[in-house]
N, C-alpha and C. Protein backbone atom coordinates (compact mmCIF):
# COMPACT_ATOMS: atom_id res chain seq x y z
N MET A 1 243.65 280.97 35.61
CA MET A 1 244.65 280.29 36.41
C MET A 1 245.60 281.34 37.00
N PRO A 2 245.55 281.55 38.31
CA PRO A 2 246.46 282.53 38.93
C PRO A 2 247.91 282.02 38.96
N ILE A 3 248.81 282.94 38.73
CA ILE A 3 250.25 282.67 38.78
C ILE A 3 250.88 283.76 39.64
N ALA A 4 251.78 283.39 40.52
CA ALA A 4 252.42 284.37 41.39
C ALA A 4 253.25 285.35 40.58
N THR A 5 253.23 286.61 40.99
CA THR A 5 254.06 287.63 40.36
C THR A 5 255.47 287.58 40.96
N GLU A 6 256.40 288.22 40.29
CA GLU A 6 257.76 288.30 40.83
C GLU A 6 257.75 289.02 42.18
N ALA A 7 256.93 290.06 42.31
CA ALA A 7 256.86 290.79 43.59
C ALA A 7 256.35 289.88 44.71
N GLN A 8 255.37 289.03 44.41
CA GLN A 8 254.86 288.10 45.43
C GLN A 8 255.92 287.09 45.82
N ILE A 9 256.62 286.56 44.83
CA ILE A 9 257.66 285.56 45.13
C ILE A 9 258.78 286.20 45.94
N THR A 10 259.15 287.42 45.61
CA THR A 10 260.20 288.12 46.38
C THR A 10 259.74 288.37 47.81
N ALA A 11 258.49 288.79 47.99
CA ALA A 11 257.96 289.01 49.35
C ALA A 11 257.97 287.69 50.14
N TYR A 12 257.59 286.61 49.49
CA TYR A 12 257.61 285.29 50.11
C TYR A 12 259.05 284.90 50.50
N GLU A 13 259.96 285.12 49.58
CA GLU A 13 261.35 284.70 49.77
C GLU A 13 262.06 285.45 50.89
N THR A 14 261.69 286.68 51.13
CA THR A 14 262.43 287.54 52.08
C THR A 14 261.86 287.54 53.49
N LEU A 15 260.97 286.62 53.80
CA LEU A 15 260.36 286.61 55.14
C LEU A 15 261.40 286.54 56.26
N ALA A 16 262.38 285.68 56.16
CA ALA A 16 263.37 285.55 57.25
C ALA A 16 264.11 286.87 57.45
N ASP A 17 264.46 287.56 56.37
CA ASP A 17 265.12 288.86 56.50
C ASP A 17 264.21 289.87 57.18
N GLN A 18 262.93 289.85 56.82
CA GLN A 18 261.97 290.76 57.44
C GLN A 18 261.83 290.46 58.94
N LEU A 19 261.81 289.18 59.28
CA LEU A 19 261.74 288.80 60.69
C LEU A 19 262.96 289.30 61.45
N MET A 20 264.15 289.10 60.87
CA MET A 20 265.38 289.53 61.54
C MET A 20 265.38 291.06 61.75
N GLN A 21 264.90 291.80 60.78
CA GLN A 21 264.81 293.25 60.94
C GLN A 21 263.83 293.61 62.05
N ASN A 22 262.73 292.89 62.14
CA ASN A 22 261.71 293.19 63.14
C ASN A 22 262.12 292.86 64.57
N ILE A 23 263.03 291.91 64.73
CA ILE A 23 263.42 291.54 66.10
C ILE A 23 264.74 292.18 66.52
N GLU A 24 265.37 292.89 65.60
CA GLU A 24 266.66 293.52 65.92
C GLU A 24 266.51 294.45 67.12
N GLY A 25 267.43 294.31 68.05
CA GLY A 25 267.45 295.17 69.23
C GLY A 25 266.59 294.69 70.39
N LEU A 26 265.82 293.63 70.20
CA LEU A 26 265.01 293.11 71.30
C LEU A 26 265.86 292.21 72.19
N SER A 27 265.62 292.30 73.47
CA SER A 27 266.33 291.44 74.41
C SER A 27 265.75 290.03 74.36
N GLU A 28 266.49 289.08 74.91
CA GLU A 28 266.01 287.70 74.97
C GLU A 28 264.72 287.63 75.77
N THR A 29 264.65 288.41 76.84
CA THR A 29 263.43 288.45 77.66
C THR A 29 262.26 288.93 76.83
N GLN A 30 262.45 289.98 76.05
CA GLN A 30 261.37 290.50 75.21
C GLN A 30 260.96 289.49 74.14
N LEU A 31 261.92 288.79 73.57
CA LEU A 31 261.61 287.81 72.53
C LEU A 31 260.81 286.64 73.08
N ARG A 32 260.91 286.40 74.37
CA ARG A 32 260.22 285.26 74.99
C ARG A 32 258.99 285.69 75.80
N GLN A 33 258.75 286.98 75.84
CA GLN A 33 257.60 287.50 76.59
C GLN A 33 256.31 287.23 75.82
N LYS A 34 255.32 286.71 76.53
CA LYS A 34 254.02 286.43 75.92
C LYS A 34 253.10 287.61 76.20
N PRO A 35 252.43 288.12 75.18
CA PRO A 35 251.56 289.28 75.40
C PRO A 35 250.39 288.99 76.33
N GLU A 36 249.98 287.74 76.39
CA GLU A 36 248.94 287.31 77.33
C GLU A 36 249.07 285.81 77.54
N PRO A 37 248.55 285.30 78.65
CA PRO A 37 248.65 283.86 78.90
C PRO A 37 248.02 283.06 77.76
N GLY A 38 248.71 281.99 77.37
CA GLY A 38 248.20 281.12 76.33
C GLY A 38 248.57 281.55 74.91
N SER A 39 249.17 282.72 74.78
CA SER A 39 249.57 283.16 73.44
C SER A 39 251.04 282.83 73.21
N TRP A 40 251.50 283.03 72.00
CA TRP A 40 252.88 282.73 71.65
C TRP A 40 253.76 283.97 71.78
N SER A 41 254.98 283.74 72.18
CA SER A 41 256.00 284.79 72.18
C SER A 41 256.55 284.96 70.77
N ILE A 42 257.32 286.00 70.55
CA ILE A 42 257.97 286.20 69.25
C ILE A 42 258.86 285.01 68.93
N HIS A 43 259.58 284.53 69.92
CA HIS A 43 260.45 283.35 69.72
C HIS A 43 259.63 282.17 69.20
N GLU A 44 258.52 281.90 69.83
CA GLU A 44 257.68 280.76 69.42
C GLU A 44 257.09 280.97 68.02
N ILE A 45 256.74 282.20 67.69
CA ILE A 45 256.22 282.48 66.35
C ILE A 45 257.27 282.16 65.30
N ILE A 46 258.51 282.52 65.56
CA ILE A 46 259.58 282.23 64.61
C ILE A 46 259.77 280.73 64.46
N MET A 47 259.73 279.99 65.56
CA MET A 47 259.85 278.53 65.49
C MET A 47 258.68 277.97 64.66
N HIS A 48 257.48 278.49 64.92
CA HIS A 48 256.29 278.04 64.20
C HIS A 48 256.40 278.32 62.70
N LEU A 49 256.92 279.48 62.34
CA LEU A 49 257.05 279.81 60.92
C LEU A 49 258.02 278.85 60.22
N ALA A 50 259.12 278.52 60.88
CA ALA A 50 260.08 277.58 60.27
C ALA A 50 259.43 276.21 60.09
N ASP A 51 258.78 275.71 61.13
CA ASP A 51 258.13 274.40 61.02
C ASP A 51 256.98 274.44 60.03
N GLY A 52 256.22 275.52 60.04
CA GLY A 52 255.13 275.67 59.08
C GLY A 52 255.63 275.62 57.64
N ASP A 53 256.80 276.18 57.42
CA ASP A 53 257.35 276.17 56.06
C ASP A 53 257.90 274.81 55.67
N ILE A 54 258.28 273.99 56.64
CA ILE A 54 258.63 272.60 56.31
C ILE A 54 257.39 271.94 55.71
N VAL A 55 256.26 272.12 56.38
CA VAL A 55 255.00 271.54 55.92
C VAL A 55 254.59 272.16 54.58
N GLY A 56 254.66 273.48 54.47
CA GLY A 56 254.27 274.16 53.24
C GLY A 56 255.13 273.76 52.05
N SER A 57 256.43 273.62 52.28
CA SER A 57 257.33 273.18 51.21
C SER A 57 256.95 271.79 50.73
N TRP A 58 256.69 270.92 51.67
CA TRP A 58 256.30 269.55 51.34
C TRP A 58 254.99 269.55 50.56
N ARG A 59 254.01 270.35 51.00
CA ARG A 59 252.71 270.39 50.31
C ARG A 59 252.86 270.88 48.87
N MET A 60 253.58 271.98 48.68
CA MET A 60 253.73 272.51 47.32
C MET A 60 254.47 271.52 46.43
N ARG A 61 255.55 270.96 46.95
CA ARG A 61 256.35 270.04 46.14
C ARG A 61 255.59 268.75 45.84
N LYS A 62 254.84 268.27 46.81
CA LYS A 62 254.04 267.05 46.60
C LYS A 62 252.99 267.31 45.54
N ALA A 63 252.33 268.46 45.58
CA ALA A 63 251.32 268.80 44.57
C ALA A 63 251.96 268.95 43.19
N LEU A 64 253.18 269.45 43.15
CA LEU A 64 253.87 269.59 41.86
C LEU A 64 254.32 268.24 41.31
N ALA A 65 254.73 267.35 42.18
CA ALA A 65 255.35 266.10 41.73
C ALA A 65 254.36 264.95 41.52
N GLU A 66 253.27 264.93 42.27
CA GLU A 66 252.36 263.79 42.24
C GLU A 66 250.99 264.21 41.72
N GLN A 67 250.21 263.24 41.32
CA GLN A 67 248.87 263.50 40.79
C GLN A 67 247.87 263.62 41.93
N GLU A 68 247.41 264.82 42.22
CA GLU A 68 246.43 265.12 43.26
C GLU A 68 246.65 264.34 44.55
N PRO A 69 247.83 264.52 45.19
CA PRO A 69 248.13 263.78 46.42
C PRO A 69 247.25 264.25 47.59
N ARG A 70 247.08 263.36 48.53
CA ARG A 70 246.38 263.69 49.79
C ARG A 70 247.37 264.45 50.67
N LEU A 71 246.91 265.56 51.22
CA LEU A 71 247.78 266.41 52.05
C LEU A 71 247.15 266.58 53.43
N ASP A 72 247.80 266.00 54.41
CA ASP A 72 247.28 266.03 55.77
C ASP A 72 247.48 267.38 56.45
N GLU A 73 246.74 267.56 57.52
CA GLU A 73 246.91 268.71 58.40
C GLU A 73 248.07 268.42 59.35
N TYR A 74 248.43 269.46 60.10
CA TYR A 74 249.34 269.23 61.22
C TYR A 74 248.85 270.08 62.38
N ASP A 75 249.11 269.61 63.58
CA ASP A 75 248.64 270.26 64.80
C ASP A 75 249.74 271.20 65.29
N GLN A 76 249.60 272.49 64.98
CA GLN A 76 250.65 273.45 65.30
C GLN A 76 250.90 273.56 66.81
N ASP A 77 249.88 273.41 67.62
CA ASP A 77 250.08 273.49 69.06
C ASP A 77 250.85 272.28 69.58
N ALA A 78 250.59 271.11 69.01
CA ALA A 78 251.35 269.91 69.39
C ALA A 78 252.81 270.07 68.99
N TRP A 79 253.06 270.67 67.81
CA TRP A 79 254.44 270.89 67.39
C TRP A 79 255.13 271.83 68.37
N ASP A 80 254.46 272.89 68.75
CA ASP A 80 255.02 273.85 69.71
C ASP A 80 255.38 273.13 71.01
N HIS A 81 254.44 272.39 71.55
CA HIS A 81 254.65 271.73 72.84
C HIS A 81 255.64 270.56 72.75
N ASN A 82 255.40 269.65 71.82
CA ASN A 82 256.20 268.42 71.76
C ASN A 82 257.58 268.61 71.14
N LEU A 83 257.75 269.68 70.39
CA LEU A 83 259.07 269.97 69.83
C LEU A 83 259.81 271.02 70.66
N SER A 84 259.24 271.36 71.81
CA SER A 84 259.88 272.25 72.79
C SER A 84 260.39 273.54 72.14
N TYR A 85 259.48 274.29 71.55
CA TYR A 85 259.86 275.52 70.87
C TYR A 85 260.69 276.46 71.75
N LEU A 86 260.36 276.53 73.02
CA LEU A 86 261.10 277.46 73.89
C LEU A 86 262.55 277.06 74.09
N GLN A 87 262.87 275.79 73.87
CA GLN A 87 264.25 275.34 74.03
C GLN A 87 265.02 275.32 72.70
N GLN A 88 264.34 275.52 71.59
CA GLN A 88 265.01 275.44 70.29
C GLN A 88 265.76 276.74 69.97
N ASP A 89 266.71 276.62 69.07
CA ASP A 89 267.58 277.72 68.66
C ASP A 89 266.89 278.56 67.58
N ARG A 90 266.57 279.78 67.92
CA ARG A 90 265.88 280.69 67.02
C ARG A 90 266.72 281.02 65.78
N THR A 91 268.02 281.15 65.95
CA THR A 91 268.90 281.46 64.82
C THR A 91 268.86 280.34 63.80
N LEU A 92 268.89 279.09 64.25
CA LEU A 92 268.79 277.96 63.33
C LEU A 92 267.44 277.95 62.62
N ALA A 93 266.38 278.28 63.35
CA ALA A 93 265.04 278.32 62.74
C ALA A 93 264.99 279.39 61.64
N LEU A 94 265.58 280.55 61.90
CA LEU A 94 265.61 281.61 60.88
C LEU A 94 266.44 281.18 59.67
N GLN A 95 267.55 280.49 59.90
CA GLN A 95 268.36 279.99 58.79
C GLN A 95 267.59 278.96 57.98
N LEU A 96 266.88 278.07 58.66
CA LEU A 96 266.07 277.07 57.99
C LEU A 96 264.98 277.73 57.15
N LEU A 97 264.28 278.68 57.75
CA LEU A 97 263.22 279.40 57.05
C LEU A 97 263.77 280.10 55.81
N LYS A 98 264.91 280.75 55.96
CA LYS A 98 265.53 281.46 54.83
C LYS A 98 265.90 280.48 53.72
N ALA A 99 266.47 279.34 54.08
CA ALA A 99 266.87 278.34 53.08
C ALA A 99 265.66 277.72 52.39
N LEU A 100 264.63 277.37 53.15
CA LEU A 100 263.42 276.80 52.56
C LEU A 100 262.78 277.76 51.58
N ARG A 101 262.65 279.00 52.00
CA ARG A 101 261.99 279.99 51.14
C ARG A 101 262.84 280.30 49.90
N ALA A 102 264.15 280.35 50.04
CA ALA A 102 265.00 280.60 48.87
C ALA A 102 264.88 279.44 47.88
N SER A 103 264.91 278.22 48.39
CA SER A 103 264.79 277.05 47.53
C SER A 103 263.43 277.00 46.84
N ASN A 104 262.37 277.25 47.61
CA ASN A 104 261.03 277.25 47.03
C ASN A 104 260.86 278.37 46.01
N ALA A 105 261.39 279.55 46.31
CA ALA A 105 261.27 280.68 45.38
C ALA A 105 261.96 280.35 44.05
N ALA A 106 263.13 279.74 44.12
CA ALA A 106 263.82 279.35 42.90
C ALA A 106 262.99 278.34 42.10
N LEU A 107 262.42 277.37 42.80
CA LEU A 107 261.57 276.39 42.14
C LEU A 107 260.35 277.07 41.51
N LEU A 108 259.68 277.93 42.27
CA LEU A 108 258.47 278.59 41.78
C LEU A 108 258.75 279.47 40.57
N ARG A 109 259.89 280.14 40.59
CA ARG A 109 260.25 280.99 39.44
C ARG A 109 260.47 280.16 38.17
N SER A 110 260.82 278.90 38.33
CA SER A 110 261.11 278.06 37.17
C SER A 110 259.89 277.35 36.61
N LEU A 111 258.74 277.47 37.28
CA LEU A 111 257.57 276.70 36.87
C LEU A 111 256.95 277.22 35.59
N PRO A 112 256.52 276.32 34.73
CA PRO A 112 255.69 276.75 33.61
C PRO A 112 254.31 277.16 34.14
N ALA A 113 253.62 278.00 33.41
CA ALA A 113 252.33 278.55 33.88
C ALA A 113 251.35 277.47 34.33
N GLU A 114 251.28 276.38 33.58
CA GLU A 114 250.29 275.35 33.91
C GLU A 114 250.58 274.63 35.23
N ALA A 115 251.82 274.66 35.70
CA ALA A 115 252.17 273.98 36.95
C ALA A 115 251.51 274.65 38.16
N TRP A 116 251.22 275.94 38.06
CA TRP A 116 250.58 276.64 39.18
C TRP A 116 249.18 276.11 39.45
N ASP A 117 248.61 275.42 38.48
CA ASP A 117 247.26 274.90 38.61
C ASP A 117 247.23 273.45 39.09
N ARG A 118 248.40 272.84 39.26
CA ARG A 118 248.43 271.47 39.81
C ARG A 118 247.86 271.52 41.22
N ARG A 119 247.27 270.45 41.64
CA ARG A 119 246.59 270.49 42.93
C ARG A 119 246.88 269.28 43.80
N GLY A 120 246.67 269.53 45.09
CA GLY A 120 246.68 268.47 46.08
C GLY A 120 245.33 268.48 46.78
N MET A 121 245.00 267.38 47.42
CA MET A 121 243.72 267.27 48.14
C MET A 121 243.98 267.43 49.64
N HIS A 122 243.78 268.64 50.12
CA HIS A 122 243.95 268.92 51.54
C HIS A 122 242.80 268.30 52.30
N VAL A 123 243.10 267.61 53.39
CA VAL A 123 242.05 266.85 54.10
C VAL A 123 240.94 267.73 54.66
N THR A 124 241.22 268.99 54.93
CA THR A 124 240.20 269.88 55.46
C THR A 124 239.67 270.85 54.40
N ASN A 125 240.58 271.43 53.62
CA ASN A 125 240.21 272.47 52.67
C ASN A 125 239.82 271.95 51.30
N GLY A 126 240.00 270.66 51.06
CA GLY A 126 239.67 270.10 49.75
C GLY A 126 240.75 270.40 48.73
N PRO A 127 240.39 270.46 47.45
CA PRO A 127 241.40 270.67 46.41
C PRO A 127 242.05 272.05 46.54
N MET A 128 243.37 272.06 46.51
CA MET A 128 244.12 273.32 46.56
C MET A 128 245.22 273.26 45.50
N THR A 129 245.34 274.35 44.74
CA THR A 129 246.37 274.41 43.71
C THR A 129 247.70 274.82 44.33
N VAL A 130 248.77 274.67 43.55
CA VAL A 130 250.09 275.14 43.98
C VAL A 130 250.00 276.63 44.30
N TYR A 131 249.29 277.39 43.47
CA TYR A 131 249.12 278.82 43.76
C TYR A 131 248.41 279.02 45.09
N ASP A 132 247.37 278.24 45.37
CA ASP A 132 246.65 278.36 46.65
C ASP A 132 247.60 278.15 47.83
N PHE A 133 248.44 277.11 47.73
CA PHE A 133 249.39 276.85 48.81
C PHE A 133 250.40 277.99 48.93
N PHE A 134 250.95 278.41 47.80
CA PHE A 134 251.90 279.53 47.81
C PHE A 134 251.27 280.76 48.47
N ASN A 135 250.08 281.11 48.03
CA ASN A 135 249.40 282.30 48.55
C ASN A 135 249.11 282.17 50.04
N ALA A 136 248.72 280.98 50.47
CA ALA A 136 248.45 280.75 51.89
C ALA A 136 249.71 280.98 52.73
N TYR A 137 250.85 280.49 52.26
CA TYR A 137 252.10 280.65 53.02
C TYR A 137 252.65 282.07 52.90
N LEU A 138 252.42 282.74 51.78
CA LEU A 138 252.77 284.15 51.66
C LEU A 138 252.00 284.95 52.71
N ASN A 139 250.69 284.73 52.77
CA ASN A 139 249.85 285.45 53.74
C ASN A 139 250.14 285.03 55.18
N HIS A 140 250.46 283.77 55.39
CA HIS A 140 250.80 283.28 56.73
C HIS A 140 251.99 284.07 57.28
N GLY A 141 253.01 284.26 56.47
CA GLY A 141 254.17 285.04 56.89
C GLY A 141 253.80 286.47 57.21
N LYS A 142 252.99 287.09 56.35
CA LYS A 142 252.56 288.49 56.57
C LYS A 142 251.77 288.61 57.88
N GLU A 143 250.87 287.67 58.11
CA GLU A 143 250.05 287.70 59.33
C GLU A 143 250.92 287.62 60.58
N HIS A 144 251.92 286.76 60.55
CA HIS A 144 252.78 286.63 61.72
C HIS A 144 253.74 287.82 61.87
N LEU A 145 254.13 288.44 60.77
CA LEU A 145 254.91 289.69 60.88
C LEU A 145 254.07 290.77 61.56
N ASP A 146 252.81 290.87 61.17
CA ASP A 146 251.90 291.83 61.82
C ASP A 146 251.74 291.49 63.30
N GLN A 147 251.63 290.20 63.61
CA GLN A 147 251.50 289.76 65.00
C GLN A 147 252.75 290.15 65.80
N ILE A 148 253.92 289.98 65.22
CA ILE A 148 255.17 290.35 65.90
C ILE A 148 255.21 291.85 66.15
N GLN A 149 254.79 292.65 65.18
CA GLN A 149 254.77 294.10 65.38
C GLN A 149 253.79 294.49 66.48
N PHE A 150 252.66 293.80 66.56
CA PHE A 150 251.70 294.04 67.63
C PHE A 150 252.32 293.69 68.98
N ILE A 151 252.97 292.54 69.06
CA ILE A 151 253.60 292.12 70.32
C ILE A 151 254.67 293.13 70.74
N LYS A 152 255.46 293.59 69.78
CA LYS A 152 256.53 294.55 70.10
C LYS A 152 255.97 295.81 70.76
N ARG A 153 254.80 296.25 70.31
CA ARG A 153 254.18 297.45 70.90
C ARG A 153 253.74 297.22 72.34
N SER A 154 253.53 295.95 72.71
CA SER A 154 253.03 295.64 74.05
C SER A 154 254.16 295.23 75.02
N LEU A 155 255.39 295.15 74.53
CA LEU A 155 256.48 294.64 75.35
C LEU A 155 256.86 295.61 76.47
N THR A 156 257.26 295.02 77.57
CA THR A 156 257.87 295.82 78.64
C THR A 156 259.36 295.89 78.37
N ASN A 157 259.98 296.91 78.83
CA ASN A 157 261.45 297.03 78.65
C ASN A 157 262.13 296.04 79.58
N ALA A 158 262.95 295.19 78.98
CA ALA A 158 263.67 294.20 79.79
C ALA A 158 264.99 293.91 79.15
């Protein structure tokens, strides 16, 4: 039964701080610049991470609280479009992400070992444990940090 280490939980918890460090000094134009048509800007990635963590928090907590609950997917592109990511406040999204991750990290640190093995039934991926969800969101943040660093290398000065 895998259990998250303190280093993993800390890396998970500090995503918003890492994002803020990565975007420091970028202009608003650069934050909204898309590296290619159809891709997301840094601004949109940050909005996506905050919304993704709303879903991830719900999934982990539902798996912890209920007996093998059904966990639906969500359409990230529909959220981007229908929630008007380009018009939303990035600072609020970063604050939300920071608060969600701090709250989840505190909860995860308090779990007994056997709780990490509780599971939910994801409609696409099948049974997933609390650790599986935690690890997926830990990696999701890392992947998008890498994506932001890639985008930064491609930005024009503006």
